[in-house]
N, C-alpha and C. Protein backbone atom coordinates (compact mmCIF):
# COMPACT_ATOMS: atom_id res chain seq x y z
N MET A 1 124.36 70.97 133.85
CA MET A 1 125.21 71.64 134.86
C MET A 1 125.38 72.97 134.75
N ILE A 2 125.42 73.78 133.41
CA ILE A 2 125.49 74.79 133.30
C ILE A 2 124.26 75.85 133.23
N ILE A 3 123.12 74.61 132.80
CA ILE A 3 121.74 75.40 133.49
C ILE A 3 121.46 75.66 134.77
N ASP A 4 122.03 74.44 135.25
CA ASP A 4 121.46 74.89 136.64
C ASP A 4 122.10 75.97 137.66
N LEU A 5 123.74 76.21 137.09
CA LEU A 5 124.10 77.71 137.63
C LEU A 5 123.11 79.08 136.76
N ILE A 6 122.84 78.70 135.52
CA ILE A 6 122.10 79.95 135.43
C ILE A 6 120.83 80.00 136.17
N LEU A 7 119.87 78.98 136.30
CA LEU A 7 119.12 78.86 137.01
C LEU A 7 118.89 79.26 138.84
N ILE A 8 120.39 79.33 139.49
CA ILE A 8 120.67 79.62 140.69
C ILE A 8 121.35 81.59 140.64
N GLY A 9 121.75 81.46 139.24
CA GLY A 9 121.85 82.95 139.33
C GLY A 9 120.35 83.66 138.93
N ILE A 10 119.57 83.03 138.47
CA ILE A 10 118.24 84.12 138.25
C ILE A 10 117.31 83.83 139.49
N LEU A 11 117.62 83.25 140.00
CA LEU A 11 116.76 82.64 141.24
C LEU A 11 117.18 83.72 142.52
N SER A 12 118.78 83.55 142.65
CA SER A 12 119.54 84.83 143.55
C SER A 12 119.28 86.03 143.24
N GLY A 13 118.86 86.35 141.75
CA GLY A 13 119.07 87.81 141.21
C GLY A 13 117.33 87.96 141.63
N PHE A 14 116.61 87.27 141.33
CA PHE A 14 114.93 87.71 142.20
C PHE A 14 115.06 87.45 143.31
N ILE A 15 115.67 86.85 144.34
CA ILE A 15 115.23 86.87 145.60
C ILE A 15 116.32 88.42 146.26
N ALA A 16 117.25 88.52 145.64
CA ALA A 16 118.43 90.14 145.99
C ALA A 16 117.34 91.02 145.75
N GLY A 17 116.56 91.06 144.21
CA GLY A 17 116.19 92.56 143.75
C GLY A 17 114.51 92.71 144.69
N PHE A 18 113.58 91.70 145.00
CA PHE A 18 112.90 91.30 145.46
C PHE A 18 112.36 91.67 147.13
N MET A 19 113.76 91.11 147.62
CA MET A 19 114.21 91.72 149.27
C MET A 19 114.54 92.53 149.41
N GLY A 20 115.60 93.05 148.42
CA GLY A 20 116.57 93.73 148.62
C GLY A 20 118.06 93.19 149.81
N ALA A 21 118.07 91.52 149.82
CA ALA A 21 119.60 91.06 149.95
C ALA A 21 120.33 91.35 149.36
N GLY A 22 121.60 91.23 149.82
CA GLY A 22 122.82 91.32 149.43
C GLY A 22 123.02 90.16 148.59
N THR A 23 124.41 89.82 147.33
CA THR A 23 124.36 89.04 147.00
C THR A 23 125.30 87.87 148.07
N GLY A 24 125.71 88.22 149.06
CA GLY A 24 126.34 87.12 149.91
C GLY A 24 125.53 86.52 150.78
N LEU A 25 124.23 87.04 150.45
CA LEU A 25 123.33 86.06 151.49
C LEU A 25 122.26 85.64 150.55
N THR A 26 122.27 85.99 149.21
CA THR A 26 121.44 85.01 148.52
C THR A 26 122.12 83.98 147.71
N ILE A 27 123.71 84.34 146.95
CA ILE A 27 124.19 82.83 146.43
C ILE A 27 125.06 82.41 147.26
N ILE A 28 125.77 82.49 147.93
CA ILE A 28 126.66 81.67 148.86
C ILE A 28 125.74 80.56 149.59
N PRO A 29 124.76 81.13 150.15
CA PRO A 29 123.81 79.45 150.02
C PRO A 29 123.43 78.35 149.45
N MET A 30 123.40 79.17 148.15
CA MET A 30 122.48 78.41 147.18
C MET A 30 124.00 77.56 146.27
N PHE A 31 125.21 78.34 146.19
CA PHE A 31 126.10 77.34 146.07
C PHE A 31 127.32 76.23 146.75
N ILE A 32 126.49 76.38 147.85
CA ILE A 32 126.81 75.74 148.83
C ILE A 32 125.84 74.21 149.25
N TYR A 33 124.56 74.48 148.89
CA TYR A 33 123.73 73.54 148.29
C TYR A 33 123.89 72.60 147.63
N TYR A 34 123.85 74.02 146.21
CA TYR A 34 124.36 72.80 144.49
C TYR A 34 125.80 72.09 144.78
N PHE A 35 126.77 72.81 145.21
CA PHE A 35 127.97 72.11 145.24
C PHE A 35 128.45 70.89 146.06
N HIS A 36 128.07 71.23 147.10
CA HIS A 36 127.91 70.30 148.00
C HIS A 36 127.15 68.93 147.91
N ILE A 37 125.85 69.16 148.27
CA ILE A 37 124.94 68.61 148.53
C ILE A 37 124.68 67.55 146.57
N VAL A 38 124.39 68.20 146.00
CA VAL A 38 123.75 67.95 143.92
C VAL A 38 125.16 67.57 143.60
N LEU A 39 126.30 67.84 143.80
CA LEU A 39 127.31 67.55 143.23
C LEU A 39 128.24 66.96 143.83
N GLY A 40 128.38 67.02 145.30
CA GLY A 40 129.14 66.06 146.46
C GLY A 40 130.57 66.44 146.48
N TYR A 41 130.88 67.74 146.18
CA TYR A 41 132.21 68.41 146.56
C TYR A 41 132.69 68.61 148.06
N SER A 42 133.72 68.55 148.21
CA SER A 42 133.86 69.03 149.83
C SER A 42 133.46 70.36 150.54
N LEU A 43 132.77 70.35 151.62
CA LEU A 43 132.57 71.05 152.08
C LEU A 43 133.86 72.66 152.30
N THR A 44 134.49 72.15 152.69
CA THR A 44 135.78 72.96 152.44
C THR A 44 136.17 73.57 151.44
N SER A 45 136.15 72.57 150.27
CA SER A 45 136.03 73.78 148.85
C SER A 45 134.94 74.53 148.23
N THR A 46 134.00 73.75 148.82
CA THR A 46 132.49 74.39 148.26
C THR A 46 132.25 76.18 149.14
N LEU A 47 132.63 76.20 150.45
CA LEU A 47 132.60 77.23 151.49
C LEU A 47 133.88 77.91 150.12
N ILE A 48 135.08 78.01 150.18
CA ILE A 48 135.91 78.47 149.91
C ILE A 48 135.99 79.47 147.81
N VAL A 49 134.86 78.56 147.38
CA VAL A 49 134.38 78.83 145.99
C VAL A 49 133.17 80.08 146.25
N SER A 50 132.19 79.23 146.96
CA SER A 50 131.16 79.83 147.26
C SER A 50 131.37 81.77 148.18
N THR A 51 132.28 81.48 148.23
CA THR A 51 132.58 82.85 149.12
C THR A 51 133.48 83.90 148.32
N ASP A 52 134.49 83.11 147.62
CA ASP A 52 135.71 83.70 146.83
C ASP A 52 134.64 84.29 145.34
N THR A 53 133.42 83.41 145.26
CA THR A 53 132.61 84.19 144.20
C THR A 53 131.62 85.57 144.42
N ALA A 54 130.92 85.37 145.82
CA ALA A 54 130.16 86.29 146.12
C ALA A 54 131.26 87.58 146.62
N ILE A 55 132.47 87.41 146.97
CA ILE A 55 133.29 88.66 147.09
C ILE A 55 133.69 89.09 145.50
N ALA A 56 133.52 88.31 144.58
CA ALA A 56 134.39 89.06 142.87
C ALA A 56 132.71 89.41 142.42
N ILE A 57 131.96 88.97 142.68
CA ILE A 57 130.64 89.72 142.50
C ILE A 57 130.94 91.25 142.94
N MET A 58 130.37 91.10 144.15
CA MET A 58 130.54 92.61 145.16
C MET A 58 131.77 93.83 144.50
N THR A 59 132.99 93.17 144.26
CA THR A 59 133.80 93.88 143.94
C THR A 59 133.66 94.37 142.72
N PHE A 60 133.25 93.54 141.37
CA PHE A 60 132.61 94.47 140.43
C PHE A 60 131.72 94.83 140.72
N THR A 61 130.79 94.76 141.08
CA THR A 61 129.86 95.58 140.97
C THR A 61 130.06 96.89 141.93
N SER A 62 130.73 97.06 142.90
CA SER A 62 131.35 98.11 143.46
C SER A 62 132.00 98.63 142.55
N LEU A 63 132.77 98.58 141.71
CA LEU A 63 133.79 99.01 140.68
C LEU A 63 133.07 99.69 139.74
N PHE A 64 132.07 98.86 139.50
CA PHE A 64 131.17 99.33 138.32
C PHE A 64 129.95 100.58 138.51
N ASN A 65 129.21 100.69 140.11
CA ASN A 65 128.72 101.80 140.54
C ASN A 65 129.56 102.97 140.34
N TYR A 66 131.06 102.42 140.88
CA TYR A 66 131.69 103.46 141.45
C TYR A 66 132.46 104.59 139.55
N MET A 67 131.94 103.90 139.26
CA MET A 67 132.60 104.12 137.77
C MET A 67 131.27 105.33 136.74
N LEU A 68 130.47 104.29 137.21
CA LEU A 68 129.00 104.93 136.84
C LEU A 68 128.74 106.10 137.54
N ARG A 69 128.84 106.70 138.79
CA ARG A 69 128.47 107.61 139.62
C ARG A 69 129.87 108.55 139.19
N LYS A 70 131.06 108.26 138.90
CA LYS A 70 132.20 109.04 138.72
C LYS A 70 131.83 109.52 137.47
N SER A 71 131.86 109.21 136.70
CA SER A 71 130.70 109.21 134.59
C SER A 71 129.63 110.93 135.11
N ASN A 72 129.01 110.31 136.15
CA ASN A 72 128.00 111.12 136.15
C ASN A 72 128.41 112.65 136.49
N GLU A 73 129.41 112.29 137.51
CA GLU A 73 130.60 113.67 137.99
C GLU A 73 129.37 113.78 139.43
N LYS A 74 128.59 112.18 139.98
CA LYS A 74 128.07 112.69 141.25
C LYS A 74 128.85 112.32 142.24
N ILE A 75 130.25 112.23 142.13
CA ILE A 75 131.65 111.62 143.22
C ILE A 75 132.21 112.37 143.02
N ASP A 76 132.78 112.94 144.26
CA ASP A 76 133.96 113.78 144.33
C ASP A 76 135.25 112.89 144.61
N SER A 77 135.72 113.32 143.67
CA SER A 77 137.23 112.08 143.73
C SER A 77 138.34 112.20 144.53
N LYS A 78 138.06 113.57 145.60
CA LYS A 78 139.32 114.00 146.25
C LYS A 78 138.95 113.93 147.40
N ALA A 79 137.72 114.21 148.05
CA ALA A 79 136.93 113.77 149.05
C ALA A 79 136.78 112.18 149.52
N SER A 80 136.36 111.47 148.68
CA SER A 80 136.33 109.70 149.08
C SER A 80 137.69 109.72 149.01
N TYR A 81 138.68 110.05 148.27
CA TYR A 81 140.39 109.37 148.84
C TYR A 81 140.17 109.82 150.18
N LEU A 82 140.11 110.89 150.41
CA LEU A 82 140.37 111.51 151.68
C LEU A 82 139.37 110.93 152.79
N LYS A 83 138.53 110.06 152.65
CA LYS A 83 137.29 109.66 153.54
C LYS A 83 137.76 108.03 153.64
N ILE A 84 138.61 107.35 152.68
CA ILE A 84 139.25 106.22 152.78
C ILE A 84 140.41 106.26 153.35
N HIS A 85 141.17 107.10 153.39
CA HIS A 85 142.48 107.35 153.85
C HIS A 85 142.60 107.81 155.26
N LEU A 86 141.75 108.11 155.58
CA LEU A 86 141.74 108.97 157.11
C LEU A 86 140.91 108.25 158.12
C-alpha cells in the first residue's frame, strides 16, 4: 500500500509538472481510483479523503510559497492584507 501511494505521488507530480495541472486535477482522480476501485472503500469516504488531502496539499504549498516570497521581500504584507480584507 505504501509503495502504491508513493507511485501515485510520483505520477501525480510528473503530470502536474509536465502539463502544468494542479494538485486537485491530478491527485483526486488517482486517489478515487485507488481507494474506491482497488481497495474497495465506499465512494463517500473516498471522496472526502481525496478532497481533504488535496486541500491540505494546496494549503501547505501556498503557505510555503508565501513564506518564501516574504523572506525574499517580494511581498508587501500590508498591501496583501488590504487586498484580502477589502
